[in-house]
Amino acid sequence: MAPKPDLLTQVYSTASKLNFRQSTMSDNSMKEAMDVAAASTGILALAAWLPPTAALFTIIWTALRIYESPTVQKLFGKEP
């Protein structure tokens, strides 16, 4: 009695007989969809950290402007 082929061999053999194409990422449409998903993820990640970064720079800029004001400079004993 001949050994029974495993399930994967049977499926591949049947698919080959029926001329089914194996599913791979060789299709350009699949690659383009993955590119769009990756770019969207990158843009959303950028959008997530951009507002806090902008707020931090705004706070630093405002603090520098207040420090350079004539009133604060007089408090520190420096001439404006």
N, C-alpha and C. Protein backbone atom coordinates (compact mmCIF):
# COMPACT_ATOMS: atom_id res chain seq x y z
N MET A 1 0.84 -1.17 0.00
CA MET A 1 0.00 0.00 0.00
C MET A 1 0.89 1.25 0.00
N ALA A 2 0.60 2.21 -0.87
CA ALA A 2 1.39 3.42 -1.00
C ALA A 2 1.08 4.38 0.15
N PRO A 3 2.09 5.15 0.60
CA PRO A 3 1.82 6.10 1.69
C PRO A 3 0.86 7.19 1.22
N LYS A 4 0.00 7.63 2.12
CA LYS A 4 -0.97 8.67 1.82
C LYS A 4 -0.27 10.03 1.83
N PRO A 5 -0.49 10.87 0.81
CA PRO A 5 0.13 12.21 0.83
C PRO A 5 -0.53 13.08 1.91
N ASP A 6 0.24 14.02 2.45
CA ASP A 6 -0.31 14.88 3.48
C ASP A 6 -1.30 15.87 2.88
N LEU A 7 -2.04 16.55 3.73
CA LEU A 7 -3.12 17.43 3.30
C LEU A 7 -2.62 18.57 2.42
N LEU A 8 -1.50 19.17 2.78
CA LEU A 8 -0.96 20.29 2.01
C LEU A 8 -0.61 19.85 0.59
N THR A 9 -0.04 18.68 0.45
CA THR A 9 0.29 18.17 -0.87
C THR A 9 -0.98 17.94 -1.68
N GLN A 10 -2.01 17.43 -1.05
CA GLN A 10 -3.27 17.21 -1.76
C GLN A 10 -3.89 18.52 -2.22
N VAL A 11 -3.89 19.55 -1.35
CA VAL A 11 -4.46 20.84 -1.71
C VAL A 11 -3.68 21.48 -2.85
N TYR A 12 -2.35 21.45 -2.76
CA TYR A 12 -1.53 22.04 -3.81
C TYR A 12 -1.74 21.31 -5.13
N SER A 13 -1.83 19.99 -5.07
CA SER A 13 -2.04 19.20 -6.27
C SER A 13 -3.38 19.53 -6.91
N THR A 14 -4.42 19.66 -6.09
CA THR A 14 -5.74 19.99 -6.60
C THR A 14 -5.76 21.39 -7.19
N ALA A 15 -5.13 22.34 -6.52
CA ALA A 15 -5.09 23.71 -7.02
C ALA A 15 -4.33 23.79 -8.34
N SER A 16 -3.26 23.02 -8.47
CA SER A 16 -2.49 23.02 -9.71
C SER A 16 -3.32 22.45 -10.85
N LYS A 17 -4.07 21.41 -10.57
CA LYS A 17 -4.91 20.81 -11.60
C LYS A 17 -6.00 21.76 -12.06
N LEU A 18 -6.50 22.60 -11.15
CA LEU A 18 -7.57 23.52 -11.48
C LEU A 18 -7.04 24.87 -11.97
N ASN A 19 -5.73 25.00 -12.08
CA ASN A 19 -5.08 26.23 -12.55
C ASN A 19 -5.35 27.43 -11.65
N PHE A 20 -5.45 27.21 -10.34
CA PHE A 20 -5.57 28.32 -9.41
C PHE A 20 -4.20 28.95 -9.23
N ARG A 21 -4.22 30.25 -9.16
CA ARG A 21 -2.98 30.98 -8.94
C ARG A 21 -2.76 31.12 -7.45
N GLN A 22 -1.52 30.95 -7.01
CA GLN A 22 -1.23 31.12 -5.59
C GLN A 22 -1.33 32.59 -5.23
N SER A 23 -1.85 32.84 -4.04
CA SER A 23 -2.01 34.20 -3.57
C SER A 23 -0.68 34.70 -3.02
N THR A 24 -0.11 35.68 -3.69
CA THR A 24 1.14 36.29 -3.23
C THR A 24 0.99 37.80 -3.31
N MET A 25 2.01 38.51 -2.82
CA MET A 25 1.98 39.96 -2.91
C MET A 25 2.60 40.44 -4.22
N SER A 26 2.59 39.61 -5.23
CA SER A 26 3.17 40.02 -6.50
C SER A 26 2.20 40.90 -7.28
N ASP A 27 0.96 40.95 -6.88
CA ASP A 27 0.00 41.81 -7.56
C ASP A 27 0.30 43.26 -7.22
N ASN A 28 0.32 44.12 -8.25
CA ASN A 28 0.58 45.54 -8.00
C ASN A 28 -0.52 46.18 -7.17
N SER A 29 -1.76 45.74 -7.37
CA SER A 29 -2.85 46.34 -6.60
C SER A 29 -2.70 46.07 -5.11
N MET A 30 -2.23 44.88 -4.76
CA MET A 30 -2.01 44.55 -3.35
C MET A 30 -0.87 45.38 -2.78
N LYS A 31 0.20 45.53 -3.56
CA LYS A 31 1.33 46.34 -3.10
C LYS A 31 0.91 47.79 -2.91
N GLU A 32 0.11 48.31 -3.84
CA GLU A 32 -0.33 49.70 -3.74
C GLU A 32 -1.22 49.89 -2.52
N ALA A 33 -2.08 48.92 -2.24
CA ALA A 33 -2.94 49.01 -1.06
C ALA A 33 -2.10 49.02 0.21
N MET A 34 -1.07 48.19 0.26
CA MET A 34 -0.20 48.16 1.43
C MET A 34 0.60 49.46 1.55
N ASP A 35 1.02 50.04 0.42
CA ASP A 35 1.73 51.32 0.45
C ASP A 35 0.83 52.43 1.01
N VAL A 36 -0.43 52.44 0.58
CA VAL A 36 -1.37 53.45 1.07
C VAL A 36 -1.59 53.27 2.57
N ALA A 37 -1.72 52.04 3.01
CA ALA A 37 -1.91 51.77 4.45
C ALA A 37 -0.69 52.22 5.24
N ALA A 38 0.50 51.95 4.73
CA ALA A 38 1.72 52.35 5.43
C ALA A 38 1.86 53.87 5.48
N ALA A 39 1.58 54.54 4.38
CA ALA A 39 1.67 56.00 4.35
C ALA A 39 0.63 56.62 5.28
N SER A 40 -0.56 56.07 5.30
CA SER A 40 -1.61 56.58 6.19
C SER A 40 -1.20 56.43 7.65
N THR A 41 -0.61 55.31 7.97
CA THR A 41 -0.14 55.09 9.34
C THR A 41 0.92 56.11 9.71
N GLY A 42 1.85 56.38 8.79
CA GLY A 42 2.89 57.37 9.05
C GLY A 42 2.33 58.77 9.25
N ILE A 43 1.37 59.14 8.42
CA ILE A 43 0.76 60.47 8.52
C ILE A 43 -0.02 60.60 9.84
N LEU A 44 -0.75 59.55 10.19
CA LEU A 44 -1.50 59.60 11.44
C LEU A 44 -0.58 59.65 12.65
N ALA A 45 0.55 58.96 12.57
CA ALA A 45 1.52 59.03 13.67
C ALA A 45 2.09 60.45 13.79
N LEU A 46 2.39 61.06 12.65
CA LEU A 46 2.87 62.43 12.65
C LEU A 46 1.82 63.37 13.23
N ALA A 47 0.57 63.18 12.83
CA ALA A 47 -0.51 64.03 13.33
C ALA A 47 -0.71 63.86 14.83
N ALA A 48 -0.36 62.71 15.36
CA ALA A 48 -0.56 62.47 16.79
C ALA A 48 0.47 63.22 17.64
N TRP A 49 1.72 63.32 17.19
CA TRP A 49 2.71 63.99 18.03
C TRP A 49 2.95 65.44 17.64
N LEU A 50 2.41 65.89 16.53
CA LEU A 50 2.63 67.26 16.10
C LEU A 50 1.98 68.30 17.02
N PRO A 51 0.73 68.17 17.42
CA PRO A 51 0.14 69.19 18.32
C PRO A 51 0.87 69.37 19.65
N PRO A 52 1.25 68.28 20.35
CA PRO A 52 2.00 68.51 21.60
C PRO A 52 3.35 69.18 21.37
N THR A 53 4.01 68.83 20.26
CA THR A 53 5.30 69.46 19.95
C THR A 53 5.11 70.94 19.65
N ALA A 54 4.09 71.26 18.89
CA ALA A 54 3.81 72.68 18.58
C ALA A 54 3.47 73.44 19.86
N ALA A 55 2.72 72.82 20.76
CA ALA A 55 2.39 73.48 22.02
C ALA A 55 3.64 73.74 22.85
N LEU A 56 4.55 72.78 22.88
CA LEU A 56 5.80 72.95 23.63
C LEU A 56 6.62 74.11 23.08
N PHE A 57 6.77 74.16 21.75
CA PHE A 57 7.52 75.26 21.14
C PHE A 57 6.82 76.60 21.38
N THR A 58 5.51 76.63 21.40
CA THR A 58 4.78 77.87 21.68
C THR A 58 5.04 78.34 23.11
N ILE A 59 5.05 77.41 24.05
CA ILE A 59 5.33 77.77 25.45
C ILE A 59 6.75 78.31 25.59
N ILE A 60 7.72 77.67 24.94
CA ILE A 60 9.11 78.13 25.01
C ILE A 60 9.24 79.52 24.39
N TRP A 61 8.61 79.72 23.21
CA TRP A 61 8.69 81.01 22.52
C TRP A 61 8.06 82.11 23.38
N THR A 62 6.92 81.83 23.98
CA THR A 62 6.24 82.83 24.82
C THR A 62 7.08 83.16 26.06
N ALA A 63 7.70 82.16 26.65
CA ALA A 63 8.56 82.40 27.81
C ALA A 63 9.75 83.28 27.44
N LEU A 64 10.34 83.02 26.28
CA LEU A 64 11.47 83.86 25.83
C LEU A 64 11.02 85.30 25.58
N ARG A 65 9.85 85.47 24.98
CA ARG A 65 9.35 86.82 24.72
C ARG A 65 9.08 87.57 26.04
N ILE A 66 8.53 86.86 27.02
CA ILE A 66 8.27 87.50 28.32
C ILE A 66 9.59 87.86 28.99
N TYR A 67 10.56 86.95 28.94
CA TYR A 67 11.87 87.20 29.55
C TYR A 67 12.55 88.42 28.91
N GLU A 68 12.38 88.60 27.60
CA GLU A 68 13.03 89.72 26.91
C GLU A 68 12.27 91.04 27.06
N SER A 69 11.10 91.02 27.69
CA SER A 69 10.31 92.26 27.81
C SER A 69 11.04 93.24 28.74
N PRO A 70 10.83 94.52 28.51
CA PRO A 70 11.51 95.53 29.35
C PRO A 70 11.17 95.41 30.84
N THR A 71 9.95 95.03 31.16
CA THR A 71 9.55 94.91 32.56
C THR A 71 10.37 93.83 33.27
N VAL A 72 10.50 92.67 32.67
CA VAL A 72 11.25 91.57 33.28
C VAL A 72 12.74 91.90 33.31
N GLN A 73 13.22 92.57 32.30
CA GLN A 73 14.63 92.95 32.28
C GLN A 73 14.96 93.93 33.42
N LYS A 74 14.00 94.83 33.72
CA LYS A 74 14.19 95.74 34.86
C LYS A 74 14.22 94.98 36.18
N LEU A 75 13.37 93.93 36.29
CA LEU A 75 13.32 93.12 37.51
C LEU A 75 14.67 92.42 37.75
N PHE A 76 15.34 92.02 36.68
CA PHE A 76 16.64 91.36 36.79
C PHE A 76 17.79 92.36 36.86
N GLY A 77 17.48 93.64 36.83
CA GLY A 77 18.51 94.68 36.95
C GLY A 77 19.29 94.91 35.67
N LYS A 78 18.73 94.49 34.57
CA LYS A 78 19.40 94.72 33.27
C LYS A 78 18.69 95.85 32.56
N GLU A 79 19.44 96.60 31.78
CA GLU A 79 18.83 97.70 31.03
C GLU A 79 18.19 97.14 29.76
N PRO A 80 16.99 97.64 29.44
CA PRO A 80 16.31 97.16 28.21
C PRO A 80 16.95 97.60 26.93
